[in-house]
Amino acid sequence: MTERPVDLSSLPSYTAPRRSLFSARKFALMASVVAGLGAAIYGFGPQQGSPDIFTSAAHAQVNTEVRKVERPIGFADIVERVKPSVISVKVNIAEKVSKGSDDSANKDEDSPFQPGSPMERFFRRFGGPDGLPPGLRGGPRGGRGPTMGQGSGFFISADGFAVTNNHVVDGADKVEVTMDDGKTYTAKVIGADPRTDLALIKVEGRKDFPFAKLSDSKPRIGDWVLAVGNPFGLGGTVTAGIVSASGRDIGNGPYDDFIQIDAPVNKGNSGGPAFDTSGEVMGVNTAIYSPSGGSVGIAFSIPASTVKSVIAQLKDKGSVSRGWIGVQIQPVTSDIADSLGMKKAEGALVAEPQANGPAAKAGIQSGDVITAVNGEPVKDARELARTIGGLAPGNAVKLNVLHKGQDKVINLTLGQLPNTIEAKADTGKDDKGSASKGTDVPKLGLTVAPANTVAGAGKEGVVVTEVDPKSAAAERGFKEGDVILEVGGKSVATAGEVREALDSARSDNKNSVLMRVKSGASSRFVAVPLAKG
C-alpha cells in the first residue's frame, strides 16, 4: 500500500508553514536519527525490549559522524605534566652608581631608555616596572638603591639548568627561583646572550628537577600553543592560543626570527615557555606588542631551534661565538633588483665589505649580491645574517655571489663576530664645510660637489650639498652631507660623471639607477627612478 502525503493545510485553523508536507516514513526516519544521536552523545545503549533502532545502520552512521567531530575538551593533562618544570625568577640588583658621578651630574640624556623611546616602550610593554630592564630600574635618581625584578623560566635538565631571558637576569646580583610547589632556590647565571635575549641559569642541590624538552619540530601556523609563566608576579599561570605567524622581525636585532602567538602573555612572562600539544617547548616568550601595556594577543617567542644552539654554547663556555664574514648588507628591493637586472628581489646586497674582513679578503665587492650559502638560497639580508651567525667561526663556507651580472662561487673561512665593532669617525653635516655650492643634477633633484672640495668629506665621490624636498631623491632618503660614491656601478667624482652615468642607464632602458651612498660611517645602495627624456 502506497502512503499518501498528508496535506496539513487542509486542516481547520492551521496556517501551513513552508515545506508542510511530510510522510509518516520520513518522520519515523527523523525520529530514529535523533534517538541514535542521543544515544551516541549520552552513552545510552539498547535496553531490553527496546526497538532495534539502536543497532541500526542509521545509528552506526551517526556514531561515525560524532566521532569525526570530537575535539579535546581542555589542556589539563598537558598542563599537569609540564607546569612543574616552569619557574618564577626573581632578581635583586644592588645599588650601582657610575664612577665619578654625583647627584648633580647624574644625567641620562644619552640613555636609550628615555621616556617614549623604542627601548623604553619595549620594556614597558614587556619586562618590568618603569619601562626599564633590570640594572636600570630604581628610584627617582635613576638606579640608586637596590631594585627588584621578576620574570619566568623553565628547567631543561634534571640537574638544575634552566632557561630565561637575558633582560630578566641582566645585572642581577642575586637570582632566586620559585618552583610550582612553592620551594625556593638560589640560582647562578651561567651565561647570557643579549643578541637573542637568552640566558642560562643553574640551581644546585638536586638531581631530580622536573624539566621540559625543547621541540625538534617547527610549529605550523594555526597550531595550539600554551604559555606558562609568572605574569605580574602572580605565579604559575597558563594561557592558551595558537601560532599566529613565524619568522617575525620586530626590530630587535639582525637575528630576529620570532614565532608570533596569540596566547595572552603579560609582564612577568618574560623567559617563560610556550608549549605545543605534545608538551614540548616550541619557544621562549620574550616580547609582546601592546599599546596599553597589557596583552592584546600579539606575543613573540624565540624558536626552540635558536634556543638549542645558543644554550649549548652558554653551557659549554658561558658565551656565544658567531660566524662573521665582515660585510654591511641590505635587502634587495624590487627597484634594486631591476637596476641590477635580477629577475627576483632576493638575496643580500653588499653595501660595503669591511676592511680586512673575510669577505674583502675573498674578493667580495660593494654591489655584489649574496644569493646562497653552502647551496642553500638566501631569501633576504636578515636570513643571511641568521645563517652566517648560526655557523661557528673557522668554518669554511661557499657563497654564491652575483657580481656585475655574472654568477660566481666564492669560498672563504668565517671569522668571529666581534662583540663590539668600532665605528668610524662620523663626519656630520657641520664638518662638510661650504667650499662649494655644487652643481645641479637635472631631473634628480640633487646639487652635488666633488668630495675633495668639501672639508671633511674625503677624497672619493661627490657630496650632496642640496636636496629638492619634492624630488625622487628626497623620497629615497637623500640628505645634505651624503656622499655619492658610485652611480650605475661606476665611480663618480664630479657632477658631470654623475650625469654621464645617468644618461648611460637611460640608454640601456633602465627604469632606475643604483647609487652607492655613504652616510657618516656606513654605506648603502639606493635605487633612484630615472626621469625619461
Protein backbone atom coordinates (compact mmCIF):
# COMPACT_ATOMS: atom_id res chain seq x y z
CA MET A 1 0.00 0.00 0.00
CA THR A 2 1.35 3.37 -1.01
CA GLU A 3 1.34 6.09 1.62
CA ARG A 4 -0.43 9.28 0.74
CA PRO A 5 1.13 12.51 1.90
CA VAL A 6 -0.92 14.33 4.48
CA ASP A 7 -1.82 17.87 3.46
CA LEU A 8 -1.76 19.73 6.79
CA SER A 9 -3.04 22.89 5.17
CA SER A 10 -6.42 21.25 4.71
CA LEU A 11 -6.96 21.04 8.46
CA PRO A 12 -9.06 23.80 10.02
CA SER A 13 -7.44 26.74 11.89
CA TYR A 14 -3.95 25.79 10.68
CA THR A 15 -1.56 28.07 8.87
CA ALA A 16 0.77 26.00 6.75
CA PRO A 17 4.48 26.75 7.15
CA ARG A 18 6.93 26.26 4.30
CA ARG A 19 7.55 22.64 3.35
CA SER A 20 4.48 21.44 5.32
CA LEU A 21 4.16 18.09 3.53
CA PHE A 22 5.64 15.18 5.46
CA SER A 23 5.34 11.48 5.07
CA ALA A 24 4.95 9.21 8.03
CA ARG A 25 8.01 7.29 6.85
CA LYS A 26 10.20 10.42 6.76
CA PHE A 27 9.03 11.39 10.20
CA ALA A 28 9.89 7.95 11.58
CA LEU A 29 13.36 8.11 9.99
CA MET A 30 13.98 11.52 11.55
CA ALA A 31 12.97 10.18 14.95
CA SER A 32 15.37 7.28 14.58
CA VAL A 33 18.28 9.59 13.74
CA VAL A 34 17.54 11.84 16.71
CA ALA A 35 17.29 8.84 19.03
CA GLY A 36 20.55 7.45 17.68
CA LEU A 37 22.28 10.81 18.16
CA GLY A 38 21.03 10.97 21.75
CA ALA A 39 22.36 7.50 22.43
CA ALA A 40 25.72 8.39 20.93
CA ILE A 41 26.06 11.58 22.96
CA TYR A 42 24.83 10.35 26.32
CA GLY A 43 26.17 6.83 26.10
CA PHE A 44 22.76 5.10 26.28
CA GLY A 45 22.72 1.62 24.84
CA PRO A 46 19.78 -0.54 23.75
CA GLN A 47 17.52 -1.59 26.60
CA GLN A 48 15.68 -4.87 26.91
CA GLY A 49 12.55 -4.74 24.90
CA SER A 50 13.54 -1.55 23.14
CA PRO A 51 13.26 -1.19 19.38
CA ASP A 52 16.14 -2.38 17.28
CA ILE A 53 16.77 1.20 16.21
CA PHE A 54 19.89 1.44 18.46
CA THR A 55 21.73 -1.14 16.38
CA SER A 56 20.50 0.06 13.03
CA ALA A 57 22.67 1.26 10.16
CA ALA A 58 21.44 4.81 10.81
CA HIS A 59 22.77 4.65 14.38
CA ALA A 60 26.16 3.41 13.20
CA GLN A 61 26.40 6.24 10.69
CA VAL A 62 25.54 8.87 13.32
CA ASN A 63 28.13 7.41 15.68
CA THR A 64 30.75 7.70 12.98
CA GLU A 65 29.87 11.32 12.31
CA VAL A 66 30.01 12.17 16.02
CA ARG A 67 33.45 10.61 16.34
CA LYS A 68 34.67 12.70 13.40
CA VAL A 69 33.86 15.96 15.13
CA GLU A 70 35.22 15.07 18.56
CA ARG A 71 37.64 17.68 19.96
CA PRO A 72 39.85 17.89 23.06
CA ILE A 73 37.82 19.42 25.86
CA GLY A 74 40.85 21.00 27.56
CA PHE A 75 44.59 21.03 28.15
CA ALA A 76 44.54 19.81 31.76
CA ASP A 77 46.54 16.64 31.07
CA ILE A 78 49.30 18.56 29.26
CA VAL A 79 49.43 21.29 31.90
CA GLU A 80 49.62 18.75 34.71
CA ARG A 81 52.64 17.22 33.02
CA VAL A 82 54.61 20.37 32.08
CA LYS A 83 53.72 23.00 34.68
CA PRO A 84 56.11 21.67 37.38
CA SER A 85 59.08 22.46 35.08
CA VAL A 86 58.20 26.18 34.92
CA ILE A 87 59.74 28.54 37.48
CA SER A 88 59.30 32.11 38.64
CA VAL A 89 62.55 34.09 38.51
CA LYS A 90 63.17 36.88 41.00
CA VAL A 91 66.27 39.07 40.76
CA ASN A 92 67.91 41.58 43.07
CA ILE A 93 70.11 44.36 41.73
CA ALA A 94 72.20 46.17 44.31
CA GLU A 95 72.91 49.89 44.25
CA LYS A 96 75.25 50.80 41.44
CA VAL A 97 76.43 54.33 40.81
CA SER A 98 78.63 55.25 37.88
CA LYS A 99 82.20 56.04 38.84
CA GLY A 100 82.80 59.73 39.26
CA SER A 101 79.13 60.67 39.18
CA ASP A 102 77.15 62.60 41.76
CA ASP A 103 73.56 63.66 42.18
CA SER A 104 74.04 66.96 40.40
CA ALA A 105 75.79 65.36 37.46
CA ASN A 106 73.83 62.16 37.27
CA LYS A 107 72.18 62.89 33.94
CA ASP A 108 70.86 60.33 31.49
CA GLU A 109 70.37 62.34 28.30
CA ASP A 110 72.26 59.68 26.35
CA SER A 111 70.29 56.76 27.76
CA PRO A 112 68.40 54.67 25.16
CA PHE A 113 65.62 54.27 27.73
CA GLN A 114 64.36 57.87 27.59
CA PRO A 115 60.57 58.19 28.00
CA GLY A 116 58.89 57.44 24.69
CA SER A 117 62.00 55.86 23.17
CA PRO A 118 61.67 52.49 21.34
CA MET A 119 63.63 50.68 24.08
CA GLU A 120 61.58 52.27 26.85
CA ARG A 121 58.33 51.29 25.08
CA PHE A 122 59.62 47.75 24.57
CA PHE A 123 60.39 47.18 28.25
CA ARG A 124 57.27 48.98 29.42
CA ARG A 125 55.20 46.60 27.29
CA PHE A 126 57.09 43.55 28.38
CA GLY A 127 59.66 43.25 31.12
CA GLY A 128 59.22 45.06 34.37
CA PRO A 129 58.26 48.25 36.13
CA ASP A 130 59.02 51.77 34.96
CA GLY A 131 59.76 50.75 31.39
CA LEU A 132 63.31 49.76 32.33
CA PRO A 133 65.18 46.44 32.25
CA PRO A 134 66.94 45.05 35.33
CA GLY A 135 70.03 47.08 36.14
CA LEU A 136 68.39 50.36 35.08
CA ARG A 137 65.39 50.34 37.38
CA GLY A 138 65.29 52.28 40.58
CA GLY A 139 64.19 55.42 42.34
CA PRO A 140 63.96 58.96 41.04
CA ARG A 141 67.72 59.21 40.68
CA GLY A 142 67.71 56.50 38.04
CA GLY A 143 69.35 53.48 39.60
CA ARG A 144 70.19 54.42 43.21
CA GLY A 145 69.23 51.86 45.81
CA PRO A 146 68.53 48.14 45.45
CA THR A 147 65.86 47.16 42.97
CA MET A 148 63.89 44.03 42.23
CA GLY A 149 62.73 42.38 39.03
CA GLN A 150 60.63 39.35 38.15
CA GLY A 151 60.28 37.05 35.19
CA SER A 152 59.81 33.41 34.26
CA GLY A 153 61.88 30.45 33.15
CA PHE A 154 61.91 26.67 32.92
CA PHE A 155 64.19 23.76 33.73
CA ILE A 156 65.78 21.95 30.77
CA SER A 157 67.59 19.24 32.75
CA ALA A 158 67.12 17.26 35.95
CA ASP A 159 70.36 18.67 37.40
CA GLY A 160 69.05 22.23 37.57
CA PHE A 161 69.89 24.03 34.32
CA ALA A 162 67.13 26.49 33.38
CA VAL A 163 66.41 28.96 30.60
CA THR A 164 65.16 32.51 30.95
CA ASN A 165 65.58 35.87 29.18
CA ASN A 166 68.79 37.86 29.31
CA HIS A 167 66.85 41.02 30.16
CA VAL A 168 65.36 39.25 33.20
CA VAL A 169 68.73 38.48 34.86
CA ASP A 170 70.96 41.15 33.29
CA GLY A 171 72.93 42.95 36.01
CA ALA A 172 71.47 40.78 38.78
CA ASP A 173 73.48 40.29 41.98
CA LYS A 174 71.13 37.63 43.26
CA VAL A 175 68.75 35.31 41.42
CA GLU A 176 66.07 33.24 43.15
CA VAL A 177 63.74 30.76 41.51
CA THR A 178 60.43 29.52 42.88
CA MET A 179 59.02 26.21 41.70
CA ASP A 180 55.40 25.32 41.16
CA ASP A 181 55.30 23.58 44.55
CA GLY A 182 56.44 26.76 46.30
CA LYS A 183 60.03 25.72 47.00
CA THR A 184 62.62 28.47 46.50
CA TYR A 185 66.25 28.07 45.42
CA THR A 186 69.18 30.36 44.70
CA ALA A 187 70.38 30.27 41.10
CA LYS A 188 73.62 31.25 39.39
CA VAL A 189 73.83 32.88 35.95
CA ILE A 190 75.96 30.59 33.75
CA GLY A 191 75.91 32.79 30.67
CA ALA A 192 73.77 35.17 28.63
CA ASP A 193 73.41 36.28 25.02
CA PRO A 194 72.00 39.81 24.60
CA ARG A 195 71.67 39.41 20.83
CA THR A 196 68.97 36.74 21.21
CA ASP A 197 67.88 37.78 24.73
CA LEU A 198 68.54 34.32 26.20
CA ALA A 199 70.21 33.35 29.46
CA LEU A 200 71.17 30.07 31.14
CA ILE A 201 70.95 29.76 34.93
CA LYS A 202 71.78 26.86 37.27
CA VAL A 203 70.24 25.67 40.54
CA GLU A 204 72.42 23.40 42.68
CA GLY A 205 71.48 20.79 45.25
CA ARG A 206 69.19 18.38 43.40
CA LYS A 207 69.36 15.93 40.52
CA ASP A 208 65.64 15.34 40.13
CA PHE A 209 64.19 18.65 38.98
CA PRO A 210 61.19 18.31 36.65
CA PHE A 211 62.25 19.60 33.24
CA ALA A 212 60.84 20.33 29.81
CA LYS A 213 62.11 19.20 26.41
CA LEU A 214 62.87 21.62 23.60
CA SER A 215 60.95 20.67 20.47
CA ASP A 216 62.74 19.32 17.41
CA SER A 217 59.96 20.32 15.01
CA LYS A 218 58.98 23.68 13.59
CA PRO A 219 55.49 24.83 14.63
CA ARG A 220 52.89 25.41 11.95
CA ILE A 221 50.70 28.48 11.76
CA GLY A 222 47.43 27.53 13.45
CA ASP A 223 48.96 25.02 15.91
CA TRP A 224 47.80 25.20 19.51
CA VAL A 225 50.20 26.81 22.00
CA LEU A 226 50.20 27.04 25.80
CA ALA A 227 52.07 29.86 27.56
CA VAL A 228 53.08 29.22 31.17
CA GLY A 229 54.71 31.86 33.35
CA ASN A 230 54.64 34.40 36.13
CA PRO A 231 52.52 37.33 34.87
CA PHE A 232 52.51 40.33 37.19
CA GLY A 233 54.24 38.17 39.82
CA LEU A 234 51.14 36.02 40.30
CA GLY A 235 52.99 32.73 39.95
CA GLY A 236 52.33 29.79 37.63
CA THR A 237 49.66 30.87 35.17
CA VAL A 238 48.57 29.07 31.99
CA THR A 239 47.06 30.66 28.89
CA ALA A 240 46.22 29.13 25.52
CA GLY A 241 46.15 30.29 21.91
CA ILE A 242 47.52 29.46 18.50
CA VAL A 243 50.64 30.15 16.47
CA SER A 244 49.73 33.29 14.52
CA ALA A 245 52.85 33.71 12.36
CA SER A 246 56.52 32.76 12.12
CA GLY A 247 59.74 34.43 11.06
CA ARG A 248 58.74 37.76 12.59
CA ASP A 249 61.21 40.67 12.61
CA ILE A 250 60.37 43.15 15.40
CA GLY A 251 63.45 45.34 15.00
CA ASN A 252 65.21 43.84 17.99
CA GLY A 253 68.35 42.87 16.04
CA PRO A 254 69.74 41.09 12.98
CA TYR A 255 68.85 37.66 14.38
CA ASP A 256 65.11 38.30 14.78
CA ASP A 257 63.16 35.17 13.82
CA PHE A 258 60.28 35.16 16.26
CA ILE A 259 57.21 32.96 16.48
CA GLN A 260 54.10 35.11 16.92
CA ILE A 261 51.43 33.68 19.20
CA ASP A 262 48.08 34.97 20.42
CA ALA A 263 48.10 33.24 23.82
CA PRO A 264 47.71 36.05 26.40
CA VAL A 265 51.18 36.99 27.65
CA ASN A 266 51.88 39.82 30.10
CA LYS A 267 54.63 41.45 32.13
CA GLY A 268 56.43 38.79 34.11
CA ASN A 269 56.01 36.14 31.42
CA SER A 270 59.48 37.02 30.05
CA GLY A 271 61.58 33.87 29.79
CA GLY A 272 58.63 31.53 30.18
CA PRO A 273 57.99 28.62 27.80
CA ALA A 274 55.45 28.28 25.02
CA PHE A 275 54.42 24.61 24.84
CA ASP A 276 52.93 22.66 21.96
CA THR A 277 50.28 19.98 22.46
CA SER A 278 52.98 17.33 22.81
CA GLY A 279 54.18 19.10 25.95
CA GLU A 280 57.43 20.23 24.30
CA VAL A 281 58.76 23.80 24.30
CA MET A 282 58.29 25.42 20.89
CA GLY A 283 59.65 28.79 22.04
CA VAL A 284 60.66 31.15 24.84
CA ASN A 285 58.32 34.12 25.36
CA THR A 286 60.30 37.34 25.15
CA ALA A 287 58.17 40.27 23.97
CA ILE A 288 54.65 41.48 23.35
CA TYR A 289 53.09 44.22 21.27
CA SER A 290 50.82 46.32 23.43
CA PRO A 291 49.79 49.97 23.08
CA SER A 292 48.30 49.84 26.59
CA GLY A 293 50.86 47.71 28.43
CA GLY A 294 48.59 44.65 28.66
CA SER A 295 48.15 41.67 26.37
CA VAL A 296 46.36 42.30 23.09
CA GLY A 297 47.03 38.85 21.69
CA ILE A 298 50.35 39.59 19.94
CA ALA A 299 53.30 37.98 21.66
CA PHE A 300 56.68 36.85 20.35
CA SER A 301 58.67 33.73 21.23
CA ILE A 302 62.24 32.74 20.42
CA PRO A 303 62.08 29.48 18.43
CA ALA A 304 63.30 26.28 20.10
CA SER A 305 65.89 25.78 17.33
CA THR A 306 67.55 29.10 18.26
CA VAL A 307 67.32 28.31 21.97
CA LYS A 308 69.08 24.97 21.47
CA SER A 309 72.08 26.39 19.64
CA VAL A 310 72.50 29.36 22.00
CA ILE A 311 72.04 27.41 25.24
CA ALA A 312 74.50 24.73 24.11
CA GLN A 313 77.22 27.37 23.75
CA LEU A 314 76.29 29.10 27.01
CA LYS A 315 76.52 25.79 28.85
CA ASP A 316 79.85 24.95 27.22
CA LYS A 317 81.68 28.27 27.59
CA GLY A 318 79.33 30.87 29.06
CA SER A 319 79.14 32.95 25.89
CA VAL A 320 78.12 32.69 22.23
CA SER A 321 80.52 32.82 19.28
CA ARG A 322 79.07 33.59 15.87
CA GLY A 323 80.39 33.33 12.38
CA TRP A 324 81.29 36.57 10.61
CA ILE A 325 82.09 37.47 7.01
CA GLY A 326 82.54 41.20 7.51
CA VAL A 327 80.04 42.96 5.25
CA GLN A 328 77.45 45.69 5.54
CA ILE A 329 74.35 44.29 3.85
CA GLN A 330 70.91 45.49 2.89
CA PRO A 331 67.76 43.97 1.37
CA VAL A 332 67.31 43.67 -2.38
CA THR A 333 64.20 45.70 -3.16
CA SER A 334 62.29 45.43 -6.42
CA ASP A 335 63.88 48.69 -7.60
CA ILE A 336 67.36 47.44 -6.77
CA ALA A 337 66.66 44.12 -8.47
CA ASP A 338 65.54 45.99 -11.59
CA SER A 339 68.69 48.13 -11.52
CA LEU A 340 70.88 45.02 -11.30
CA GLY A 341 68.94 43.10 -13.96
CA MET A 342 67.76 40.47 -11.48
CA LYS A 343 64.56 38.52 -12.11
CA LYS A 344 63.62 38.29 -8.42
CA ALA A 345 64.17 40.63 -5.47
CA GLU A 346 66.05 38.06 -3.38
CA GLY A 347 69.44 37.77 -1.72
CA ALA A 348 71.55 40.20 0.33
CA LEU A 349 73.17 43.22 -1.30
CA VAL A 350 76.69 44.01 -0.08
CA ALA A 351 76.77 47.73 0.66
CA GLU A 352 80.40 47.63 1.76
CA PRO A 353 82.86 44.89 2.73
CA GLN A 354 84.72 45.73 5.90
CA ALA A 355 88.44 46.26 5.56
CA ASN A 356 90.50 43.11 6.26
CA GLY A 357 87.32 41.08 6.84
CA PRO A 358 86.89 37.56 5.41
CA ALA A 359 84.63 38.81 2.59
CA ALA A 360 87.03 41.55 1.47
CA LYS A 361 89.96 39.14 1.52
CA ALA A 362 87.97 36.66 -0.59
CA GLY A 363 87.21 39.29 -3.23
CA ILE A 364 83.61 40.25 -2.45
CA GLN A 365 82.92 43.84 -3.51
CA SER A 366 80.33 46.53 -2.98
CA GLY A 367 77.33 45.88 -5.20
CA ASP A 368 77.68 42.10 -5.10
CA VAL A 369 74.56 40.14 -4.16
CA ILE A 370 74.98 37.04 -1.98
CA THR A 371 72.33 34.60 -3.19
CA ALA A 372 73.21 31.32 -1.40
CA VAL A 373 75.29 29.89 1.46
CA ASN A 374 76.56 26.33 1.06
CA GLY A 375 73.99 25.76 -1.67
CA GLU A 376 71.02 26.99 0.40
CA PRO A 377 69.25 30.01 -1.16
CA VAL A 378 69.34 33.29 0.78
CA LYS A 379 65.94 34.97 0.80
CA ASP A 380 67.00 38.35 2.18
CA ALA A 381 69.65 40.19 4.19
CA ARG A 382 68.20 39.11 7.53
CA GLU A 383 68.32 35.45 6.54
CA LEU A 384 71.98 35.81 5.54
CA ALA A 385 72.78 37.31 8.96
CA ARG A 386 70.99 34.46 10.76
CA THR A 387 72.60 31.78 8.58
CA ILE A 388 76.16 33.06 8.98
CA GLY A 389 75.59 33.84 12.68
CA GLY A 390 74.44 30.25 13.23
CA LEU A 391 77.76 28.85 11.98
CA ALA A 392 80.88 28.53 14.09
CA PRO A 393 83.91 30.74 13.46
CA GLY A 394 86.59 28.92 11.48
CA ASN A 395 84.09 27.03 9.32
CA ALA A 396 84.68 27.05 5.58
CA VAL A 397 81.65 28.26 3.60
CA LYS A 398 80.74 28.52 -0.07
CA LEU A 399 78.93 31.68 -1.14
CA ASN A 400 77.04 32.11 -4.40
CA VAL A 401 77.50 35.72 -5.49
CA LEU A 402 76.05 37.79 -8.31
CA HIS A 403 78.94 40.04 -9.41
CA LYS A 404 78.19 42.61 -12.14
CA GLY A 405 75.59 40.34 -13.67
CA GLN A 406 77.70 37.18 -13.50
CA ASP A 407 77.26 34.28 -11.06
CA LYS A 408 80.36 33.43 -9.04
CA VAL A 409 81.20 30.94 -6.29
CA ILE A 410 83.46 32.26 -3.53
CA ASN A 411 84.98 30.14 -0.78
CA LEU A 412 86.01 31.72 2.50
CA THR A 413 86.65 30.90 6.14
CA LEU A 414 84.38 32.53 8.70
CA GLY A 415 85.83 34.90 11.24
CA GLN A 416 84.37 35.53 14.70
CA LEU A 417 81.76 38.23 15.10
CA PRO A 418 83.31 40.97 17.27
CA ASN A 419 81.45 41.79 20.48
CA THR A 420 81.71 45.45 19.55
CA ILE A 421 82.54 46.93 16.21
CA GLU A 422 84.34 50.26 16.38
CA ALA A 423 82.54 52.89 14.37
CA LYS A 424 84.48 55.11 12.04
CA ALA A 425 84.54 58.83 12.77
CA ASP A 426 81.16 60.24 11.85
CA THR A 427 81.70 63.34 9.78
CA GLY A 428 78.39 65.08 10.25
CA LYS A 429 76.89 67.88 8.25
CA ASP A 430 78.73 70.52 10.24
CA ASP A 431 82.08 69.07 9.13
CA LYS A 432 81.30 69.28 5.43
CA GLY A 433 82.18 72.92 5.18
CA SER A 434 80.94 75.23 2.49
CA ALA A 435 83.76 75.34 -0.04
CA SER A 436 81.40 74.85 -2.96
CA LYS A 437 77.68 75.30 -3.55
CA GLY A 438 77.82 72.46 -6.04
CA THR A 439 76.31 71.72 -9.43
CA ASP A 440 72.72 70.73 -10.13
CA VAL A 441 71.94 67.25 -11.43
CA PRO A 442 68.92 67.74 -13.70
CA LYS A 443 65.77 65.65 -13.11
CA LEU A 444 67.27 64.12 -9.96
CA GLY A 445 66.66 66.94 -7.51
CA LEU A 446 70.23 67.00 -6.19
CA THR A 447 73.04 69.53 -6.11
CA VAL A 448 76.48 67.93 -5.75
CA ALA A 449 80.10 68.95 -5.44
CA PRO A 450 83.36 66.96 -5.67
CA ALA A 451 84.11 65.48 -2.26
CA ASN A 452 87.70 66.74 -2.30
CA THR A 453 86.42 70.32 -2.40
CA VAL A 454 84.38 69.98 0.80
CA ALA A 455 86.17 69.83 4.14
CA GLY A 456 85.75 66.50 5.93
CA ALA A 457 84.05 64.74 3.01
CA GLY A 458 87.05 62.64 1.99
CA LYS A 459 88.60 62.24 -1.42
CA GLU A 460 86.13 59.95 -3.18
CA GLY A 461 82.74 60.66 -4.70
CA VAL A 462 80.54 63.73 -4.80
CA VAL A 463 78.92 65.41 -1.82
CA VAL A 464 75.22 66.24 -1.79
CA THR A 465 75.04 69.93 -0.95
CA GLU A 466 71.33 70.45 -1.54
CA VAL A 467 68.22 68.26 -1.94
CA ASP A 468 64.95 69.35 -3.55
CA PRO A 469 62.37 68.29 -0.92
CA LYS A 470 59.87 67.38 -3.68
CA SER A 471 62.30 65.24 -5.67
CA ALA A 472 62.60 61.47 -6.09
CA ALA A 473 65.98 61.68 -4.34
CA ALA A 474 64.36 63.20 -1.25
CA GLU A 475 61.76 60.42 -1.24
CA ARG A 476 64.61 57.89 -1.24
CA GLY A 477 66.20 59.46 1.83
CA PHE A 478 68.99 61.57 0.37
CA LYS A 479 70.12 64.38 2.66
CA GLU A 480 72.69 67.13 2.65
CA GLY A 481 76.13 65.76 3.50
CA ASP A 482 75.64 62.33 1.90
CA VAL A 483 78.49 61.24 -0.37
CA ILE A 484 77.61 59.50 -3.66
CA LEU A 485 80.42 57.05 -4.44
CA GLU A 486 79.00 55.16 -7.43
CA VAL A 487 76.21 55.57 -9.97
CA GLY A 488 75.19 52.55 -12.03
CA GLY A 489 78.29 50.65 -10.92
CA LYS A 490 80.67 53.44 -12.00
CA SER A 491 82.75 55.53 -9.61
CA VAL A 492 81.95 59.25 -9.79
CA ALA A 493 84.00 62.27 -8.74
CA THR A 494 82.19 65.14 -10.46
CA ALA A 495 78.68 66.23 -11.33
CA GLY A 496 79.49 65.60 -14.98
CA GLU A 497 80.32 61.96 -14.27
CA VAL A 498 77.03 61.60 -12.38
CA ARG A 499 75.13 62.92 -15.43
CA GLU A 500 77.05 60.60 -17.79
CA ALA A 501 76.21 57.58 -15.64
CA LEU A 502 72.53 58.58 -15.58
CA ASP A 503 72.45 59.02 -19.36
CA SER A 504 74.09 55.61 -19.79
CA ALA A 505 71.41 53.98 -17.65
CA ARG A 506 68.67 55.67 -19.69
CA SER A 507 70.30 54.46 -22.91
CA ASP A 508 70.07 50.92 -21.52
CA ASN A 509 66.32 51.46 -20.98
CA LYS A 510 66.59 51.05 -17.22
CA ASN A 511 63.76 52.33 -15.06
CA SER A 512 66.04 53.14 -12.14
CA VAL A 513 69.72 53.56 -11.39
CA LEU A 514 71.61 52.15 -8.42
CA MET A 515 73.72 54.56 -6.38
CA ARG A 516 76.16 53.71 -3.60
CA VAL A 517 75.80 56.34 -0.92
CA LYS A 518 77.87 56.96 2.19
CA SER A 519 76.14 58.49 5.21
CA GLY A 520 78.51 59.08 8.08
CA ALA A 521 80.36 55.82 8.70
CA SER A 522 78.00 53.50 6.82
CA SER A 523 77.28 52.86 3.16
CA ARG A 524 74.10 51.75 1.41
CA PHE A 525 72.69 51.32 -2.09
CA VAL A 526 69.75 53.40 -3.20
CA ALA A 527 67.71 52.75 -6.36
CA VAL A 528 66.57 56.09 -7.79
CA PRO A 529 63.90 56.14 -10.54
CA LEU A 530 65.01 57.72 -13.79
CA ALA A 531 63.02 60.52 -15.37
CA LYS A 532 62.53 59.89 -19.07
CA GLY A 533 63.54 62.39 -21.74
